[in-house]
Amino acid sequence: MDVRTLEYFVLVAEEGSISAGARRAMVAQPAVTVAVRKLERDVGARLLERSPGGVELTAAGRTLLVHARRVLRCVAE
C-alpha cells in the first residue's frame, strides 16, 4: 500500500465513481481501478460496492476512509 493508492481511494470515495475519482487524480481510469483492487487485496476486504451508477463504500471502506484521510493529512504536513 502506498500514499498514491490511498489518494485514489479517497478521491473515488468522495466522488462516488471510479472514473470521476480518476479524472480528479488526472490519471487513467484503469490505473485507479487496478490500484483500488490491489488495496482491497492488501486489506483483505471489499471497500467498494460497484454498480453502473457508481460506487458506495462498504463498512470496511468507510472505516478505511477515516484512516486514509488521517494518513494523507499527516503526509501533507
Protein backbone atom coordinates (compact mmCIF):
# COMPACT_ATOMS: atom_id res chain seq x y z
CA MET A 1 0.00 0.00 0.00
CA ASP A 2 1.34 3.43 -0.85
CA VAL A 3 0.20 7.01 -0.43
CA ARG A 4 -0.85 7.31 -4.07
CA THR A 5 -3.20 4.35 -3.69
CA LEU A 6 -4.77 5.92 -0.60
CA GLU A 7 -5.20 9.18 -2.51
CA TYR A 8 -7.00 7.35 -5.32
CA PHE A 9 -9.24 5.56 -2.83
CA VAL A 10 -10.19 8.81 -1.09
CA LEU A 11 -10.94 10.52 -4.41
CA VAL A 12 -13.11 7.62 -5.56
CA ALA A 13 -14.96 7.62 -2.24
CA GLU A 14 -15.53 11.38 -2.38
CA GLU A 15 -16.67 11.33 -6.00
CA GLY A 16 -18.77 8.17 -5.74
CA SER A 17 -17.28 6.99 -9.00
CA ILE A 18 -14.03 5.40 -10.12
CA SER A 19 -13.99 7.37 -13.37
CA ALA A 20 -14.69 10.68 -11.58
CA GLY A 21 -12.01 9.89 -9.00
CA ALA A 22 -9.59 9.17 -11.83
CA ARG A 23 -10.41 12.49 -13.50
CA ARG A 24 -9.74 14.33 -10.23
CA ALA A 25 -6.44 12.49 -9.87
CA MET A 26 -5.69 13.23 -13.53
CA VAL A 27 -4.89 9.61 -14.29
CA ALA A 28 -6.47 6.96 -16.50
CA GLN A 29 -9.46 5.16 -15.02
CA PRO A 30 -7.91 1.68 -15.44
CA ALA A 31 -4.96 2.71 -13.24
CA VAL A 32 -7.33 3.72 -10.45
CA THR A 33 -9.34 0.51 -10.83
CA VAL A 34 -6.18 -1.57 -10.53
CA ALA A 35 -4.99 0.43 -7.51
CA VAL A 36 -8.31 0.08 -5.68
CA ARG A 37 -8.47 -3.66 -6.37
CA LYS A 38 -4.93 -4.07 -5.08
CA LEU A 39 -5.85 -2.07 -1.97
CA GLU A 40 -8.82 -4.38 -1.41
CA ARG A 41 -6.49 -7.40 -1.67
CA ASP A 42 -3.98 -5.77 0.70
CA VAL A 43 -6.58 -5.07 3.40
CA GLY A 44 -8.44 -8.32 2.78
CA ALA A 45 -11.88 -6.77 2.39
CA ARG A 46 -14.15 -5.24 -0.24
CA LEU A 47 -14.02 -1.50 0.13
CA LEU A 48 -16.48 -0.53 -2.58
CA GLU A 49 -19.78 -1.84 -3.87
CA ARG A 50 -19.68 -1.23 -7.59
CA SER A 51 -22.77 -0.58 -9.72
CA PRO A 52 -23.47 1.02 -13.10
CA GLY A 53 -24.40 4.22 -11.24
CA GLY A 54 -21.10 4.48 -9.35
CA VAL A 55 -19.69 3.10 -6.13
CA GLU A 56 -20.70 3.04 -2.50
CA LEU A 57 -18.39 2.36 0.41
CA THR A 58 -18.76 -0.85 2.36
CA ALA A 59 -18.40 -0.80 6.14
CA ALA A 60 -14.71 -1.62 5.69
CA GLY A 61 -14.44 1.17 3.11
CA ARG A 62 -15.96 3.72 5.49
CA THR A 63 -13.50 2.70 8.20
CA LEU A 64 -10.53 2.87 5.85
CA LEU A 65 -11.65 6.27 4.53
CA VAL A 66 -11.35 7.79 8.01
CA HIS A 67 -7.85 6.39 8.46
CA ALA A 68 -6.75 7.15 4.89
CA ARG A 69 -7.70 10.81 5.28
CA ARG A 70 -5.74 10.95 8.55
CA VAL A 71 -2.67 9.40 6.90
CA LEU A 72 -2.87 11.80 3.96
CA ARG A 73 -3.14 14.80 6.31
CA CYS A 74 -0.04 13.61 8.19
CA VAL A 75 1.90 13.13 4.97
CA ALA A 76 0.93 16.62 3.79
CA GLU A 77 2.21 18.32 6.97
